[in-house]
Amino acid sequence: MVLATAIKKQVIKDYQRSETDSGSSEVQIALLTSRINELTEHLKTHKADHHCRRGLVLMVGRRNRLLRYLQRTERTKYLEIIGRLGLRK
């Protein structure tokens, strides 16, 4: 599932560090979280869609790696992002 362009731009705008930032760890984590949430809703109705489920597992792993990196390098940013996204870490 691909995020709509308007939703993606809004997420980038909400989580960017500066005006030209579109790829920082915070933005990547926020984009992955919104995609994960959409896929989770999709899989609630389509339980046998194993291809999407594999994609979901890969996205969760990628988000966890980014969160570990952020926790290691910038602890305050890590705490802020998990608070804003409502992640249980």
Protein backbone atom coordinates (compact mmCIF):
# COMPACT_ATOMS: atom_id res chain seq x y z
CA MET A 1 0.00 0.00 0.00
CA VAL A 2 1.35 3.38 -0.97
CA LEU A 3 0.58 6.49 1.03
CA ALA A 4 -1.39 9.20 -0.71
CA THR A 5 0.77 12.14 -1.73
CA ALA A 6 -1.14 14.61 0.43
CA ILE A 7 -0.80 12.41 3.52
CA LYS A 8 2.90 11.88 2.87
CA LYS A 9 3.55 15.61 2.47
CA GLN A 10 1.66 16.34 5.70
CA VAL A 11 3.65 13.74 7.66
CA ILE A 12 6.92 15.14 6.29
CA LYS A 13 5.84 18.67 7.19
CA ASP A 14 4.90 17.63 10.73
CA TYR A 15 8.15 15.80 11.51
CA GLN A 16 10.86 17.62 9.54
CA ARG A 17 13.74 19.30 11.36
CA SER A 18 14.15 22.19 8.93
CA GLU A 19 12.34 23.57 5.90
CA THR A 20 14.27 21.41 3.42
CA ASP A 21 14.42 18.23 5.52
CA SER A 22 12.63 15.25 4.00
CA GLY A 23 14.79 12.28 4.97
CA SER A 24 15.87 12.56 8.58
CA SER A 25 15.36 9.65 10.94
CA GLU A 26 12.30 11.26 12.49
CA VAL A 27 10.62 11.70 9.10
CA GLN A 28 11.45 8.14 8.03
CA ILE A 29 10.07 6.72 11.29
CA ALA A 30 6.88 8.77 10.97
CA LEU A 31 6.34 7.68 7.35
CA LEU A 32 6.93 4.04 8.21
CA THR A 33 4.52 4.31 11.14
CA SER A 34 1.76 5.71 8.96
CA ARG A 35 2.33 2.96 6.36
CA ILE A 36 2.37 0.32 9.11
CA ASN A 37 -0.94 1.63 10.46
CA GLU A 38 -2.53 1.49 7.00
CA LEU A 39 -1.28 -2.04 6.38
CA THR A 40 -2.51 -3.16 9.78
CA GLU A 41 -6.01 -1.96 8.92
CA HIS A 42 -5.80 -3.69 5.53
CA LEU A 43 -4.76 -6.97 7.12
CA LYS A 44 -7.65 -6.88 9.58
CA THR A 45 -10.05 -7.35 6.68
CA HIS A 46 -7.79 -9.44 4.40
CA LYS A 47 -6.42 -12.06 6.77
CA ALA A 48 -5.01 -14.31 4.04
CA ASP A 49 -2.90 -11.60 2.37
CA HIS A 50 0.49 -13.05 3.26
CA HIS A 51 2.44 -10.92 0.78
CA CYS A 52 1.32 -7.73 2.53
CA ARG A 53 2.01 -9.33 5.89
CA ARG A 54 5.62 -9.96 4.88
CA GLY A 55 5.95 -6.33 3.80
CA LEU A 56 4.52 -5.25 7.13
CA VAL A 57 7.04 -7.34 9.06
CA LEU A 58 9.89 -5.85 7.00
CA MET A 59 8.64 -2.31 7.64
CA VAL A 60 8.37 -2.92 11.38
CA GLY A 61 11.95 -4.22 11.38
CA ARG A 62 13.20 -1.19 9.45
CA ARG A 63 11.39 1.15 11.87
CA ASN A 64 12.92 -0.67 14.85
CA ARG A 65 16.41 -0.29 13.37
CA LEU A 66 15.83 3.45 12.85
CA LEU A 67 14.51 3.79 16.40
CA ARG A 68 17.57 2.00 17.82
CA TYR A 69 19.83 4.31 15.81
CA LEU A 70 18.00 7.38 17.08
CA GLN A 71 18.09 6.08 20.65
CA ARG A 72 21.84 5.54 20.38
CA THR A 73 22.66 8.92 18.81
CA GLU A 74 20.02 11.42 20.02
CA ARG A 75 18.17 10.23 23.10
CA THR A 76 15.95 13.34 23.43
CA LYS A 77 14.78 13.10 19.80
CA TYR A 78 14.05 9.40 20.36
CA LEU A 79 11.89 10.09 23.40
CA GLU A 80 10.10 12.89 21.57
CA ILE A 81 9.31 10.80 18.49
CA ILE A 82 7.97 7.80 20.39
CA GLY A 83 5.83 10.14 22.47
CA ARG A 84 4.38 11.89 19.43
CA LEU A 85 3.73 8.65 17.54
CA GLY A 86 2.42 6.79 20.58
CA LEU A 87 4.87 3.89 20.26
CA ARG A 88 5.38 1.59 23.23
CA LYS A 89 9.10 1.75 23.84
